[in-house]
Amino acid sequence: WYRQAPGKQRELVAAISRGGIAKYKDSVKGRFTVSRDNAKNTVSLQ
């Protein structure tokens, strides 16, 4: 997931590999959780 605020550059929020390894923007760590279902080709962001 990426996000773009008005007048701002698009930035990475969270990403997850096929194996389930996630990375986050520092400001959302501890608040956001990214997950995926490989069989369904879906990704979610809590």
ModelCIF file with pLDDT and N, C-alpha, C, O atoms, coordinates in Angstrom:
data_MODEL
#
_entry.id   MODEL 
#
_entity.id                         1 
_entity.type                       polymer 
_entity.pdbx_number_of_molecules   1 
#
_entity_poly.entity_id                      1 
_entity_poly.type                           'polypeptide(L)' 
_entity_poly.nstd_linkage                   no 
_entity_poly.nstd_monomer                   no 
_entity_poly.pdbx_seq_one_letter_code       WYRQAPGKQRELVAAISRGGIAKYKDSVKGRFTVSRDNAKNTVSLQ 
_entity_poly.pdbx_seq_one_letter_code_can   WYRQAPGKQRELVAAISRGGIAKYKDSVKGRFTVSRDNAKNTVSLQ 
_entity_poly.pdbx_strand_id                 A 
#
loop_
_entity_poly_seq.entity_id 
_entity_poly_seq.num 
_entity_poly_seq.mon_id 
_entity_poly_seq.hetero 
1 1  TRP n 
1 2  TYR n 
1 3  ARG n 
1 4  GLN n 
1 5  ALA n 
1 6  PRO n 
1 7  GLY n 
1 8  LYS n 
1 9  GLN n 
1 10 ARG n 
1 11 GLU n 
1 12 LEU n 
1 13 VAL n 
1 14 ALA n 
1 15 ALA n 
1 16 ILE n 
1 17 SER n 
1 18 ARG n 
1 19 GLY n 
1 20 GLY n 
1 21 ILE n 
1 22 ALA n 
1 23 LYS n 
1 24 TYR n 
1 25 LYS n 
1 26 ASP n 
1 27 SER n 
1 28 VAL n 
1 29 LYS n 
1 30 GLY n 
1 31 ARG n 
1 32 PHE n 
1 33 THR n 
1 34 VAL n 
1 35 SER n 
1 36 ARG n 
1 37 ASP n 
1 38 ASN n 
1 39 ALA n 
1 40 LYS n 
1 41 ASN n 
1 42 THR n 
1 43 VAL n 
1 44 SER n 
1 45 LEU n 
1 46 GLN n 
#
_struct_asym.id          A 
_struct_asym.entity_id   1 
#
loop_
_ma_qa_metric.id 
_ma_qa_metric.mode 
_ma_qa_metric.name 
_ma_qa_metric.software_group_id 
_ma_qa_metric.type 
1 global pLDDT . pLDDT 
2 local  pLDDT . pLDDT 
#
_ma_qa_metric_global.metric_id      1 
_ma_qa_metric_global.metric_value   96.43 
_ma_qa_metric_global.model_id       1 
_ma_qa_metric_global.ordinal_id     1 
#
loop_
_ma_qa_metric_local.label_asym_id 
_ma_qa_metric_local.label_comp_id 
_ma_qa_metric_local.label_seq_id 
_ma_qa_metric_local.metric_id 
_ma_qa_metric_local.metric_value 
_ma_qa_metric_local.model_id 
_ma_qa_metric_local.ordinal_id 
A TRP 1  2 98.00 1 1  
A TYR 2  2 98.00 1 2  
A ARG 3  2 98.00 1 3  
A GLN 4  2 98.00 1 4  
A ALA 5  2 97.00 1 5  
A PRO 6  2 93.00 1 6  
A GLY 7  2 94.00 1 7  
A LYS 8  2 96.00 1 8  
A GLN 9  2 97.00 1 9  
A ARG 10 2 97.00 1 10 
A GLU 11 2 98.00 1 11 
A LEU 12 2 98.00 1 12 
A VAL 13 2 98.00 1 13 
A ALA 14 2 98.00 1 14 
A ALA 15 2 98.00 1 15 
A ILE 16 2 98.00 1 16 
A SER 17 2 96.00 1 17 
A ARG 18 2 93.00 1 18 
A GLY 19 2 93.00 1 19 
A GLY 20 2 95.00 1 20 
A ILE 21 2 97.00 1 21 
A ALA 22 2 98.00 1 22 
A LYS 23 2 98.00 1 23 
A TYR 24 2 98.00 1 24 
A LYS 25 2 98.00 1 25 
A ASP 26 2 98.00 1 26 
A SER 27 2 98.00 1 27 
A VAL 28 2 98.00 1 28 
A LYS 29 2 98.00 1 29 
A GLY 30 2 98.00 1 30 
A ARG 31 2 98.00 1 31 
A PHE 32 2 98.00 1 32 
A THR 33 2 98.00 1 33 
A VAL 34 2 98.00 1 34 
A SER 35 2 97.00 1 35 
A ARG 36 2 96.00 1 36 
A ASP 37 2 93.00 1 37 
A ASN 38 2 89.00 1 38 
A ALA 39 2 90.00 1 39 
A LYS 40 2 91.00 1 40 
A ASN 41 2 92.00 1 41 
A THR 42 2 95.00 1 42 
A VAL 43 2 97.00 1 43 
A SER 44 2 98.00 1 44 
A LEU 45 2 98.00 1 45 
A GLN 46 2 98.00 1 46 
#
loop_
_atom_site.group_PDB 
_atom_site.id 
_atom_site.type_symbol 
_atom_site.label_atom_id 
_atom_site.label_alt_id 
_atom_site.label_comp_id 
_atom_site.label_asym_id 
_atom_site.label_entity_id 
_atom_site.label_seq_id 
_atom_site.pdbx_PDB_ins_code 
_atom_site.Cartn_x 
_atom_site.Cartn_y 
_atom_site.Cartn_z 
_atom_site.occupancy 
_atom_site.B_iso_or_equiv 
_atom_site.pdbx_formal_charge 
_atom_site.auth_seq_id 
_atom_site.auth_comp_id 
_atom_site.auth_asym_id 
_atom_site.auth_atom_id 
_atom_site.pdbx_PDB_model_num 
ATOM 1   N N  . TRP A 1 1  ? 0.820  -1.200  0.000  1.00 98.00 ? 1  TRP A N  1 
ATOM 2   C CA . TRP A 1 1  ? 0.000  0.000   0.000  1.00 98.00 ? 1  TRP A CA 1 
ATOM 3   C C  . TRP A 1 1  ? 0.857  1.253   0.000  1.00 98.00 ? 1  TRP A C  1 
ATOM 4   O O  . TRP A 1 1  ? 1.831  1.359   0.745  1.00 98.00 ? 1  TRP A O  1 
ATOM 5   N N  . TYR A 1 2  ? 0.480  2.194   -0.842 1.00 98.00 ? 2  TYR A N  1 
ATOM 6   C CA . TYR A 1 2  ? 1.079  3.518   -0.883 1.00 98.00 ? 2  TYR A CA 1 
ATOM 7   C C  . TYR A 1 2  ? -0.016 4.534   -0.602 1.00 98.00 ? 2  TYR A C  1 
ATOM 8   O O  . TYR A 1 2  ? -1.202 4.226   -0.719 1.00 98.00 ? 2  TYR A O  1 
ATOM 9   N N  . ARG A 1 3  ? 0.383  5.740   -0.234 1.00 98.00 ? 3  ARG A N  1 
ATOM 10  C CA . ARG A 1 3  ? -0.606 6.791   -0.027 1.00 98.00 ? 3  ARG A CA 1 
ATOM 11  C C  . ARG A 1 3  ? -0.085 8.116   -0.549 1.00 98.00 ? 3  ARG A C  1 
ATOM 12  O O  . ARG A 1 3  ? 1.123  8.336   -0.641 1.00 98.00 ? 3  ARG A O  1 
ATOM 13  N N  . GLN A 1 4  ? -1.018 8.996   -0.888 1.00 98.00 ? 4  GLN A N  1 
ATOM 14  C CA . GLN A 1 4  ? -0.669 10.313  -1.382 1.00 98.00 ? 4  GLN A CA 1 
ATOM 15  C C  . GLN A 1 4  ? -1.632 11.340  -0.808 1.00 98.00 ? 4  GLN A C  1 
ATOM 16  O O  . GLN A 1 4  ? -2.832 11.296  -1.076 1.00 98.00 ? 4  GLN A O  1 
ATOM 17  N N  . ALA A 1 5  ? -1.105 12.254  -0.024 1.00 97.00 ? 5  ALA A N  1 
ATOM 18  C CA . ALA A 1 5  ? -1.884 13.347  0.531  1.00 97.00 ? 5  ALA A CA 1 
ATOM 19  C C  . ALA A 1 5  ? -1.876 14.511  -0.451 1.00 97.00 ? 5  ALA A C  1 
ATOM 20  O O  . ALA A 1 5  ? -0.983 14.596  -1.295 1.00 97.00 ? 5  ALA A O  1 
ATOM 21  N N  . PRO A 1 6  ? -2.859 15.413  -0.356 1.00 93.00 ? 6  PRO A N  1 
ATOM 22  C CA . PRO A 1 6  ? -2.901 16.558  -1.266 1.00 93.00 ? 6  PRO A CA 1 
ATOM 23  C C  . PRO A 1 6  ? -1.602 17.354  -1.255 1.00 93.00 ? 6  PRO A C  1 
ATOM 24  O O  . PRO A 1 6  ? -1.119 17.750  -0.194 1.00 93.00 ? 6  PRO A O  1 
ATOM 25  N N  . GLY A 1 7  ? -1.040 17.587  -2.433 1.00 94.00 ? 7  GLY A N  1 
ATOM 26  C CA . GLY A 1 7  ? 0.187  18.349  -2.550 1.00 94.00 ? 7  GLY A CA 1 
ATOM 27  C C  . GLY A 1 7  ? 1.440  17.619  -2.126 1.00 94.00 ? 7  GLY A C  1 
ATOM 28  O O  . GLY A 1 7  ? 2.517  18.215  -2.075 1.00 94.00 ? 7  GLY A O  1 
ATOM 29  N N  . LYS A 1 8  ? 1.319  16.332  -1.820 1.00 96.00 ? 8  LYS A N  1 
ATOM 30  C CA . LYS A 1 8  ? 2.460  15.553  -1.359 1.00 96.00 ? 8  LYS A CA 1 
ATOM 31  C C  . LYS A 1 8  ? 2.818  14.455  -2.359 1.00 96.00 ? 8  LYS A C  1 
ATOM 32  O O  . LYS A 1 8  ? 2.026  14.107  -3.234 1.00 96.00 ? 8  LYS A O  1 
ATOM 33  N N  . GLN A 1 9  ? 4.023  13.922  -2.208 1.00 97.00 ? 9  GLN A N  1 
ATOM 34  C CA . GLN A 1 9  ? 4.492  12.828  -3.043 1.00 97.00 ? 9  GLN A CA 1 
ATOM 35  C C  . GLN A 1 9  ? 3.936  11.505  -2.537 1.00 97.00 ? 9  GLN A C  1 
ATOM 36  O O  . GLN A 1 9  ? 3.752  11.323  -1.333 1.00 97.00 ? 9  GLN A O  1 
ATOM 37  N N  . ARG A 1 10 ? 3.669  10.585  -3.453 1.00 97.00 ? 10 ARG A N  1 
ATOM 38  C CA . ARG A 1 10 ? 3.209  9.264   -3.059 1.00 97.00 ? 10 ARG A CA 1 
ATOM 39  C C  . ARG A 1 10 ? 4.313  8.546   -2.282 1.00 97.00 ? 10 ARG A C  1 
ATOM 40  O O  . ARG A 1 10 ? 5.482  8.592   -2.665 1.00 97.00 ? 10 ARG A O  1 
ATOM 41  N N  . GLU A 1 11 ? 3.932  7.883   -1.188 1.00 98.00 ? 11 GLU A N  1 
ATOM 42  C CA . GLU A 1 11 ? 4.901  7.238   -0.331 1.00 98.00 ? 11 GLU A CA 1 
ATOM 43  C C  . GLU A 1 11 ? 4.463  5.829   0.046  1.00 98.00 ? 11 GLU A C  1 
ATOM 44  O O  . GLU A 1 11 ? 3.271  5.530   0.106  1.00 98.00 ? 11 GLU A O  1 
ATOM 45  N N  . LEU A 1 12 ? 5.436  4.979   0.294  1.00 98.00 ? 12 LEU A N  1 
ATOM 46  C CA . LEU A 1 12 ? 5.166  3.619   0.742  1.00 98.00 ? 12 LEU A CA 1 
ATOM 47  C C  . LEU A 1 12 ? 4.634  3.644   2.166  1.00 98.00 ? 12 LEU A C  1 
ATOM 48  O O  . LEU A 1 12 ? 5.192  4.315   3.034  1.00 98.00 ? 12 LEU A O  1 
ATOM 49  N N  . VAL A 1 13 ? 3.554  2.910   2.403  1.00 98.00 ? 13 VAL A N  1 
ATOM 50  C CA . VAL A 1 13 ? 2.998  2.759   3.739  1.00 98.00 ? 13 VAL A CA 1 
ATOM 51  C C  . VAL A 1 13 ? 3.386  1.406   4.317  1.00 98.00 ? 13 VAL A C  1 
ATOM 52  O O  . VAL A 1 13 ? 3.929  1.324   5.419  1.00 98.00 ? 13 VAL A O  1 
ATOM 53  N N  . ALA A 1 14 ? 3.105  0.348   3.568  1.00 98.00 ? 14 ALA A N  1 
ATOM 54  C CA . ALA A 1 14 ? 3.420  -1.004  4.001  1.00 98.00 ? 14 ALA A CA 1 
ATOM 55  C C  . ALA A 1 14 ? 3.485  -1.919  2.799  1.00 98.00 ? 14 ALA A C  1 
ATOM 56  O O  . ALA A 1 14 ? 2.782  -1.704  1.812  1.00 98.00 ? 14 ALA A O  1 
ATOM 57  N N  . ALA A 1 15 ? 4.324  -2.938  2.873  1.00 98.00 ? 15 ALA A N  1 
ATOM 58  C CA . ALA A 1 15 ? 4.434  -3.924  1.814  1.00 98.00 ? 15 ALA A CA 1 
ATOM 59  C C  . ALA A 1 15 ? 4.731  -5.280  2.428  1.00 98.00 ? 15 ALA A C  1 
ATOM 60  O O  . ALA A 1 15 ? 5.262  -5.372  3.535  1.00 98.00 ? 15 ALA A O  1 
ATOM 61  N N  . ILE A 1 16 ? 4.382  -6.338  1.694  1.00 98.00 ? 16 ILE A N  1 
ATOM 62  C CA . ILE A 1 16 ? 4.572  -7.685  2.205  1.00 98.00 ? 16 ILE A CA 1 
ATOM 63  C C  . ILE A 1 16 ? 4.981  -8.616  1.079  1.00 98.00 ? 16 ILE A C  1 
ATOM 64  O O  . ILE A 1 16 ? 4.401  -8.577  -0.007 1.00 98.00 ? 16 ILE A O  1 
ATOM 65  N N  . SER A 1 17 ? 5.971  -9.448  1.331  1.00 96.00 ? 17 SER A N  1 
ATOM 66  C CA . SER A 1 17 ? 6.448  -10.397 0.339  1.00 96.00 ? 17 SER A CA 1 
ATOM 67  C C  . SER A 1 17 ? 5.538  -11.611 0.278  1.00 96.00 ? 17 SER A C  1 
ATOM 68  O O  . SER A 1 17 ? 4.663  -11.786 1.125  1.00 96.00 ? 17 SER A O  1 
ATOM 69  N N  . ARG A 1 18 ? 5.752  -12.455 -0.736 1.00 93.00 ? 18 ARG A N  1 
ATOM 70  C CA . ARG A 1 18 ? 4.964  -13.670 -0.863 1.00 93.00 ? 18 ARG A CA 1 
ATOM 71  C C  . ARG A 1 18 ? 5.116  -14.553 0.376  1.00 93.00 ? 18 ARG A C  1 
ATOM 72  O O  . ARG A 1 18 ? 4.179  -15.247 0.771  1.00 93.00 ? 18 ARG A O  1 
ATOM 73  N N  . GLY A 1 19 ? 6.299  -14.523 0.980  1.00 93.00 ? 19 GLY A N  1 
ATOM 74  C CA . GLY A 1 19 ? 6.564  -15.320 2.160  1.00 93.00 ? 19 GLY A CA 1 
ATOM 75  C C  . GLY A 1 19 ? 6.082  -14.714 3.460  1.00 93.00 ? 19 GLY A C  1 
ATOM 76  O O  . GLY A 1 19 ? 6.251  -15.321 4.517  1.00 93.00 ? 19 GLY A O  1 
ATOM 77  N N  . GLY A 1 20 ? 5.480  -13.525 3.411  1.00 95.00 ? 20 GLY A N  1 
ATOM 78  C CA . GLY A 1 20 ? 4.892  -12.932 4.590  1.00 95.00 ? 20 GLY A CA 1 
ATOM 79  C C  . GLY A 1 20 ? 5.772  -11.963 5.357  1.00 95.00 ? 20 GLY A C  1 
ATOM 80  O O  . GLY A 1 20 ? 5.429  -11.579 6.476  1.00 95.00 ? 20 GLY A O  1 
ATOM 81  N N  . ILE A 1 21 ? 6.890  -11.560 4.787  1.00 97.00 ? 21 ILE A N  1 
ATOM 82  C CA . ILE A 1 21 ? 7.752  -10.584 5.441  1.00 97.00 ? 21 ILE A CA 1 
ATOM 83  C C  . ILE A 1 21 ? 7.258  -9.185  5.119  1.00 97.00 ? 21 ILE A C  1 
ATOM 84  O O  . ILE A 1 21 ? 7.140  -8.815  3.951  1.00 97.00 ? 21 ILE A O  1 
ATOM 85  N N  . ALA A 1 22 ? 6.970  -8.411  6.152  1.00 98.00 ? 22 ALA A N  1 
ATOM 86  C CA . ALA A 1 22 ? 6.383  -7.095  5.982  1.00 98.00 ? 22 ALA A CA 1 
ATOM 87  C C  . ALA A 1 22 ? 7.365  -5.982  6.308  1.00 98.00 ? 22 ALA A C  1 
ATOM 88  O O  . ALA A 1 22 ? 8.286  -6.167  7.104  1.00 98.00 ? 22 ALA A O  1 
ATOM 89  N N  . LYS A 1 23 ? 7.162  -4.833  5.692  1.00 98.00 ? 23 LYS A N  1 
ATOM 90  C CA . LYS A 1 23 ? 7.907  -3.628  6.010  1.00 98.00 ? 23 LYS A CA 1 
ATOM 91  C C  . LYS A 1 23 ? 6.945  -2.459  6.080  1.00 98.00 ? 23 LYS A C  1 
ATOM 92  O O  . LYS A 1 23 ? 5.911  -2.458  5.412  1.00 98.00 ? 23 LYS A O  1 
ATOM 93  N N  . TYR A 1 24 ? 7.286  -1.451  6.897  1.00 98.00 ? 24 TYR A N  1 
ATOM 94  C CA . TYR A 1 24 ? 6.385  -0.344  7.149  1.00 98.00 ? 24 TYR A CA 1 
ATOM 95  C C  . TYR A 1 24 ? 7.112  0.992   7.156  1.00 98.00 ? 24 TYR A C  1 
ATOM 96  O O  . TYR A 1 24 ? 8.297  1.077   7.479  1.00 98.00 ? 24 TYR A O  1 
ATOM 97  N N  . LYS A 1 25 ? 6.380  2.020   6.795  1.00 98.00 ? 25 LYS A N  1 
ATOM 98  C CA . LYS A 1 25 ? 6.841  3.373   7.021  1.00 98.00 ? 25 LYS A CA 1 
ATOM 99  C C  . LYS A 1 25 ? 6.963  3.573   8.531  1.00 98.00 ? 25 LYS A C  1 
ATOM 100 O O  . LYS A 1 25 ? 6.113  3.104   9.288  1.00 98.00 ? 25 LYS A O  1 
ATOM 101 N N  . ASP A 1 26 ? 8.000  4.256   8.970  1.00 98.00 ? 26 ASP A N  1 
ATOM 102 C CA . ASP A 1 26 ? 8.258  4.395   10.398 1.00 98.00 ? 26 ASP A CA 1 
ATOM 103 C C  . ASP A 1 26 ? 7.062  4.945   11.171 1.00 98.00 ? 26 ASP A C  1 
ATOM 104 O O  . ASP A 1 26 ? 6.776  4.480   12.274 1.00 98.00 ? 26 ASP A O  1 
ATOM 105 N N  . SER A 1 27 ? 6.370  5.915   10.614 1.00 98.00 ? 27 SER A N  1 
ATOM 106 C CA . SER A 1 27 ? 5.296  6.580   11.339 1.00 98.00 ? 27 SER A CA 1 
ATOM 107 C C  . SER A 1 27 ? 4.050  5.717   11.544 1.00 98.00 ? 27 SER A C  1 
ATOM 108 O O  . SER A 1 27 ? 3.171  6.090   12.321 1.00 98.00 ? 27 SER A O  1 
ATOM 109 N N  . VAL A 1 28 ? 3.956  4.572   10.862 1.00 98.00 ? 28 VAL A N  1 
ATOM 110 C CA . VAL A 1 28 ? 2.789  3.705   11.033 1.00 98.00 ? 28 VAL A CA 1 
ATOM 111 C C  . VAL A 1 28 ? 3.120  2.421   11.774 1.00 98.00 ? 28 VAL A C  1 
ATOM 112 O O  . VAL A 1 28 ? 2.221  1.627   12.049 1.00 98.00 ? 28 VAL A O  1 
ATOM 113 N N  . LYS A 1 29 ? 4.369  2.200   12.101 1.00 98.00 ? 29 LYS A N  1 
ATOM 114 C CA . LYS A 1 29 ? 4.768  0.992   12.818 1.00 98.00 ? 29 LYS A CA 1 
ATOM 115 C C  . LYS A 1 29 ? 4.055  0.913   14.163 1.00 98.00 ? 29 LYS A C  1 
ATOM 116 O O  . LYS A 1 29 ? 3.990  1.891   14.908 1.00 98.00 ? 29 LYS A O  1 
ATOM 117 N N  . GLY A 1 30 ? 3.524  -0.264  14.456 1.00 98.00 ? 30 GLY A N  1 
ATOM 118 C CA . GLY A 1 30 ? 2.792  -0.468  15.691 1.00 98.00 ? 30 GLY A CA 1 
ATOM 119 C C  . GLY A 1 30 ? 1.325  -0.122  15.597 1.00 98.00 ? 30 GLY A C  1 
ATOM 120 O O  . GLY A 1 30 ? 0.550  -0.479  16.484 1.00 98.00 ? 30 GLY A O  1 
ATOM 121 N N  . ARG A 1 31 ? 0.924  0.569   14.537 1.00 98.00 ? 31 ARG A N  1 
ATOM 122 C CA . ARG A 1 31 ? -0.472 0.946   14.343 1.00 98.00 ? 31 ARG A CA 1 
ATOM 123 C C  . ARG A 1 31 ? -1.116 0.229   13.156 1.00 98.00 ? 31 ARG A C  1 
ATOM 124 O O  . ARG A 1 31 ? -2.298 -0.112  13.206 1.00 98.00 ? 31 ARG A O  1 
ATOM 125 N N  . PHE A 1 32 ? -0.348 0.000   12.095 1.00 98.00 ? 32 PHE A N  1 
ATOM 126 C CA . PHE A 1 32 ? -0.859 -0.630  10.882 1.00 98.00 ? 32 PHE A CA 1 
ATOM 127 C C  . PHE A 1 32 ? -0.316 -2.049  10.756 1.00 98.00 ? 32 PHE A C  1 
ATOM 128 O O  . PHE A 1 32 ? 0.801  -2.337  11.188 1.00 98.00 ? 32 PHE A O  1 
ATOM 129 N N  . THR A 1 33 ? -1.113 -2.931  10.162 1.00 98.00 ? 33 THR A N  1 
ATOM 130 C CA . THR A 1 33 ? -0.698 -4.295  9.891  1.00 98.00 ? 33 THR A CA 1 
ATOM 131 C C  . THR A 1 33 ? -1.112 -4.683  8.476  1.00 98.00 ? 33 THR A C  1 
ATOM 132 O O  . THR A 1 33 ? -2.283 -4.566  8.116  1.00 98.00 ? 33 THR A O  1 
ATOM 133 N N  . VAL A 1 34 ? -0.156 -5.142  7.675  1.00 98.00 ? 34 VAL A N  1 
ATOM 134 C CA . VAL A 1 34 ? -0.442 -5.574  6.314  1.00 98.00 ? 34 VAL A CA 1 
ATOM 135 C C  . VAL A 1 34 ? -0.460 -7.097  6.269  1.00 98.00 ? 34 VAL A C  1 
ATOM 136 O O  . VAL A 1 34 ? 0.341  -7.752  6.935  1.00 98.00 ? 34 VAL A O  1 
ATOM 137 N N  . SER A 1 35 ? -1.370 -7.656  5.485  1.00 97.00 ? 35 SER A N  1 
ATOM 138 C CA . SER A 1 35 ? -1.473 -9.097  5.342  1.00 97.00 ? 35 SER A CA 1 
ATOM 139 C C  . SER A 1 35 ? -1.904 -9.425  3.918  1.00 97.00 ? 35 SER A C  1 
ATOM 140 O O  . SER A 1 35 ? -2.392 -8.556  3.195  1.00 97.00 ? 35 SER A O  1 
ATOM 141 N N  . ARG A 1 36 ? -1.721 -10.688 3.516  1.00 96.00 ? 36 ARG A N  1 
ATOM 142 C CA . ARG A 1 36 ? -2.105 -11.085 2.163  1.00 96.00 ? 36 ARG A CA 1 
ATOM 143 C C  . ARG A 1 36 ? -2.555 -12.533 2.126  1.00 96.00 ? 36 ARG A C  1 
ATOM 144 O O  . ARG A 1 36 ? -2.234 -13.330 3.008  1.00 96.00 ? 36 ARG A O  1 
ATOM 145 N N  . ASP A 1 37 ? -3.305 -12.852 1.087  1.00 93.00 ? 37 ASP A N  1 
ATOM 146 C CA . ASP A 1 37 ? -3.745 -14.209 0.803  1.00 93.00 ? 37 ASP A CA 1 
ATOM 147 C C  . ASP A 1 37 ? -3.266 -14.516 -0.610 1.00 93.00 ? 37 ASP A C  1 
ATOM 148 O O  . ASP A 1 37 ? -3.844 -14.034 -1.585 1.00 93.00 ? 37 ASP A O  1 
ATOM 149 N N  . ASN A 1 38 ? -2.221 -15.308 -0.720 1.00 89.00 ? 38 ASN A N  1 
ATOM 150 C CA . ASN A 1 38 ? -1.624 -15.579 -2.022 1.00 89.00 ? 38 ASN A CA 1 
ATOM 151 C C  . ASN A 1 38 ? -2.581 -16.295 -2.977 1.00 89.00 ? 38 ASN A C  1 
ATOM 152 O O  . ASN A 1 38 ? -2.585 -16.016 -4.176 1.00 89.00 ? 38 ASN A O  1 
ATOM 153 N N  . ALA A 1 39 ? -3.385 -17.211 -2.453 1.00 90.00 ? 39 ALA A N  1 
ATOM 154 C CA . ALA A 1 39 ? -4.303 -17.972 -3.293 1.00 90.00 ? 39 ALA A CA 1 
ATOM 155 C C  . ALA A 1 39 ? -5.386 -17.098 -3.898 1.00 90.00 ? 39 ALA A C  1 
ATOM 156 O O  . ALA A 1 39 ? -5.864 -17.374 -4.999 1.00 90.00 ? 39 ALA A O  1 
ATOM 157 N N  . LYS A 1 40 ? -5.778 -16.043 -3.188 1.00 91.00 ? 40 LYS A N  1 
ATOM 158 C CA . LYS A 1 40 ? -6.854 -15.171 -3.652 1.00 91.00 ? 40 LYS A CA 1 
ATOM 159 C C  . LYS A 1 40 ? -6.354 -13.882 -4.291 1.00 91.00 ? 40 LYS A C  1 
ATOM 160 O O  . LYS A 1 40 ? -7.157 -13.065 -4.741 1.00 91.00 ? 40 LYS A O  1 
ATOM 161 N N  . ASN A 1 41 ? -5.045 -13.692 -4.337 1.00 92.00 ? 41 ASN A N  1 
ATOM 162 C CA . ASN A 1 41 ? -4.469 -12.462 -4.896 1.00 92.00 ? 41 ASN A CA 1 
ATOM 163 C C  . ASN A 1 41 ? -5.009 -11.217 -4.190 1.00 92.00 ? 41 ASN A C  1 
ATOM 164 O O  . ASN A 1 41 ? -5.388 -10.241 -4.837 1.00 92.00 ? 41 ASN A O  1 
ATOM 165 N N  . THR A 1 42 ? -5.038 -11.263 -2.866 1.00 95.00 ? 42 THR A N  1 
ATOM 166 C CA . THR A 1 42 ? -5.530 -10.135 -2.102 1.00 95.00 ? 42 THR A CA 1 
ATOM 167 C C  . THR A 1 42 ? -4.494 -9.650  -1.096 1.00 95.00 ? 42 THR A C  1 
ATOM 168 O O  . THR A 1 42 ? -3.631 -10.409 -0.655 1.00 95.00 ? 42 THR A O  1 
ATOM 169 N N  . VAL A 1 43 ? -4.597 -8.377  -0.744 1.00 97.00 ? 43 VAL A N  1 
ATOM 170 C CA . VAL A 1 43 ? -3.769 -7.788  0.302  1.00 97.00 ? 43 VAL A CA 1 
ATOM 171 C C  . VAL A 1 43 ? -4.639 -6.822  1.092  1.00 97.00 ? 43 VAL A C  1 
ATOM 172 O O  . VAL A 1 43 ? -5.479 -6.124  0.524  1.00 97.00 ? 43 VAL A O  1 
ATOM 173 N N  . SER A 1 44 ? -4.434 -6.786  2.406  1.00 98.00 ? 44 SER A N  1 
ATOM 174 C CA . SER A 1 44 ? -5.231 -5.931  3.278  1.00 98.00 ? 44 SER A CA 1 
ATOM 175 C C  . SER A 1 44 ? -4.326 -5.080  4.149  1.00 98.00 ? 44 SER A C  1 
ATOM 176 O O  . SER A 1 44 ? -3.158 -5.403  4.365  1.00 98.00 ? 44 SER A O  1 
ATOM 177 N N  . LEU A 1 45 ? -4.887 -3.989  4.643  1.00 98.00 ? 45 LEU A N  1 
ATOM 178 C CA . LEU A 1 45 ? -4.171 -3.110  5.556  1.00 98.00 ? 45 LEU A CA 1 
ATOM 179 C C  . LEU A 1 45 ? -5.095 -2.744  6.701  1.00 98.00 ? 45 LEU A C  1 
ATOM 180 O O  . LEU A 1 45 ? -6.061 -2.003  6.516  1.00 98.00 ? 45 LEU A O  1 
ATOM 181 N N  . GLN A 1 46 ? -4.804 -3.259  7.878  1.00 98.00 ? 46 GLN A N  1 
ATOM 182 C CA . GLN A 1 46 ? -5.541 -2.909  9.083  1.00 98.00 ? 46 GLN A CA 1 
ATOM 183 C C  . GLN A 1 46 ? -4.894 -1.674  9.688  1.00 98.00 ? 46 GLN A C  1 
ATOM 184 O O  . GLN A 1 46 ? -5.346 -1.185  10.723 1.00 98.00 ? 46 GLN A O  1 
#
